[in-house]
Amino acid sequence: MTDKIIYVALGVSVLGLLIFTYASMLLEPPLSKIGALDTTSISKQIHVQGLVSDVHKFKGGSITVSINDGSGDIDVFMGPNLANSTAPIAKGKILEVVGELDEYQGKLEIKPKNADSMKVFS
């Protein structure tokens, strides 16, 4: 009888961990202030929203969008595939993005995973 209880408890625990892992992948990180981001958050998923202050298109098709939320500025980098699958982004629009925080040439930037990770507002 005790062995059955142990197996049931173990099974329920494993199932709970699997459900928790799956649910955590679906959850969006909380909205962060750009000015509060630092190198301790590199490689973590970040959620920010800000006013588009600059859009730079590279020859290879990549795009860097600079956004400002009043607390700071950050660049959002999109490689060619993502840049081509994304709705046009223009200065003066509001961009909300979830992506991995990275550092490039000493400056923090966000790399969204896909087009669904970004929303453009008027």
Protein backbone atom coordinates (compact mmCIF):
# COMPACT_ATOMS: atom_id res chain seq x y z
CA MET A 1 0.00 0.00 0.00
CA THR A 2 2.81 2.42 0.88
CA ASP A 3 4.56 1.66 -2.43
CA LYS A 4 1.41 2.62 -4.38
CA ILE A 5 1.16 5.92 -2.51
CA ILE A 6 4.80 6.70 -3.28
CA TYR A 7 4.32 5.94 -7.00
CA VAL A 8 1.15 8.01 -7.18
CA ALA A 9 2.85 10.91 -5.37
CA LEU A 10 5.86 10.67 -7.70
CA GLY A 11 3.61 10.56 -10.77
CA VAL A 12 1.60 13.57 -9.63
CA SER A 13 4.82 15.48 -8.87
CA VAL A 14 6.27 14.78 -12.31
CA LEU A 15 3.00 15.74 -13.98
CA GLY A 16 2.91 18.97 -11.96
CA LEU A 17 6.45 19.85 -13.01
CA LEU A 18 5.62 19.22 -16.68
CA ILE A 19 2.52 21.42 -16.47
CA PHE A 20 4.49 24.14 -14.68
CA THR A 21 7.25 24.03 -17.32
CA TYR A 22 4.75 24.26 -20.17
CA ALA A 23 2.81 27.10 -18.52
CA SER A 24 5.98 29.09 -17.83
CA MET A 25 6.83 29.04 -21.55
CA LEU A 26 3.46 30.61 -22.34
CA LEU A 27 3.69 33.40 -19.77
CA GLU A 28 4.95 36.80 -20.82
CA PRO A 29 7.47 38.53 -18.57
CA PRO A 30 6.18 41.65 -16.79
CA LEU A 31 6.59 45.06 -18.45
CA SER A 32 9.97 46.56 -17.50
CA LYS A 33 11.24 50.12 -17.55
CA ILE A 34 14.04 50.42 -20.09
CA GLY A 35 16.14 52.53 -17.71
CA ALA A 36 16.04 49.73 -15.13
CA LEU A 37 17.61 47.15 -17.47
CA ASP A 38 21.25 46.26 -16.97
CA THR A 39 23.75 43.54 -17.81
CA THR A 40 22.48 41.28 -14.99
CA SER A 41 19.42 40.58 -17.18
CA ILE A 42 21.37 39.53 -20.29
CA SER A 43 19.96 36.33 -21.86
CA LYS A 44 16.66 36.76 -20.01
CA GLN A 45 13.30 37.41 -21.66
CA ILE A 46 12.41 41.09 -21.35
CA HIS A 47 9.12 42.92 -22.02
CA VAL A 48 9.29 46.64 -22.83
CA GLN A 49 7.19 49.27 -24.57
CA GLY A 50 8.31 52.61 -25.93
CA LEU A 51 8.07 55.31 -28.55
CA VAL A 52 10.00 54.56 -31.74
CA SER A 53 12.68 57.25 -32.03
CA ASP A 54 14.72 55.78 -34.91
CA VAL A 55 14.56 53.01 -37.49
CA HIS A 56 17.81 51.93 -39.17
CA LYS A 57 17.70 49.50 -42.10
CA PHE A 58 20.90 47.66 -42.99
CA LYS A 59 21.94 46.56 -46.50
CA GLY A 60 21.56 42.90 -45.59
CA GLY A 61 17.91 43.37 -44.60
CA SER A 62 18.33 43.61 -40.83
CA ILE A 63 16.62 46.44 -38.92
CA THR A 64 17.42 48.15 -35.64
CA VAL A 65 14.58 50.08 -34.03
CA SER A 66 15.37 52.47 -31.16
CA ILE A 67 12.63 52.93 -28.58
CA ASN A 68 12.29 55.20 -25.53
CA ASP A 69 9.85 54.80 -22.63
CA GLY A 70 10.81 57.99 -20.76
CA SER A 71 13.24 56.14 -18.49
CA GLY A 72 15.76 55.22 -21.17
CA ASP A 73 16.49 54.07 -24.71
CA ILE A 74 17.11 50.60 -26.11
CA ASP A 75 17.56 49.09 -29.56
CA VAL A 76 15.44 46.25 -30.86
CA PHE A 77 17.40 44.17 -33.39
CA MET A 78 15.65 42.16 -36.08
CA GLY A 79 17.59 39.93 -38.45
CA PRO A 80 16.57 39.82 -42.14
CA ASN A 81 14.02 37.00 -41.79
CA LEU A 82 12.25 38.66 -38.88
CA ALA A 83 12.46 42.12 -40.47
CA ASN A 84 10.75 40.80 -43.61
CA SER A 85 7.94 39.11 -41.67
CA THR A 86 7.14 42.10 -39.47
CA ALA A 87 4.63 44.90 -40.04
CA PRO A 88 6.29 48.22 -40.97
CA ILE A 89 7.57 50.17 -37.97
CA ALA A 90 7.91 53.95 -38.22
CA LYS A 91 9.11 56.81 -36.00
CA GLY A 92 6.44 58.08 -33.65
CA LYS A 93 4.71 54.71 -33.26
CA ILE A 94 4.60 52.78 -29.99
CA LEU A 95 6.39 49.42 -30.09
CA GLU A 96 5.80 46.72 -27.49
CA VAL A 97 8.32 43.90 -27.64
CA VAL A 98 9.21 40.72 -25.77
CA GLY A 99 12.64 39.31 -26.47
CA GLU A 100 16.00 38.25 -25.18
CA LEU A 101 18.21 40.96 -23.72
CA ASP A 102 21.65 41.00 -25.31
CA GLU A 103 24.66 43.28 -25.46
CA TYR A 104 26.22 44.44 -28.73
CA GLN A 105 29.27 46.71 -28.83
CA GLY A 106 28.75 47.65 -25.17
CA LYS A 107 25.09 48.60 -25.63
CA LEU A 108 22.03 46.66 -24.51
CA GLU A 109 19.57 45.49 -27.17
CA ILE A 110 16.53 43.25 -27.39
CA LYS A 111 16.23 40.42 -29.88
CA PRO A 112 12.61 39.33 -30.38
CA LYS A 113 12.07 35.67 -31.25
CA ASN A 114 9.41 36.21 -33.94
CA ALA A 115 6.91 38.73 -35.33
CA ASP A 116 4.32 37.67 -32.71
CA SER A 117 6.73 39.01 -30.06
CA MET A 118 6.12 42.58 -31.23
CA LYS A 119 3.06 44.84 -31.37
CA VAL A 120 2.94 48.24 -33.05
CA PHE A 121 0.47 50.87 -31.83
CA SER A 122 -0.35 54.33 -33.23
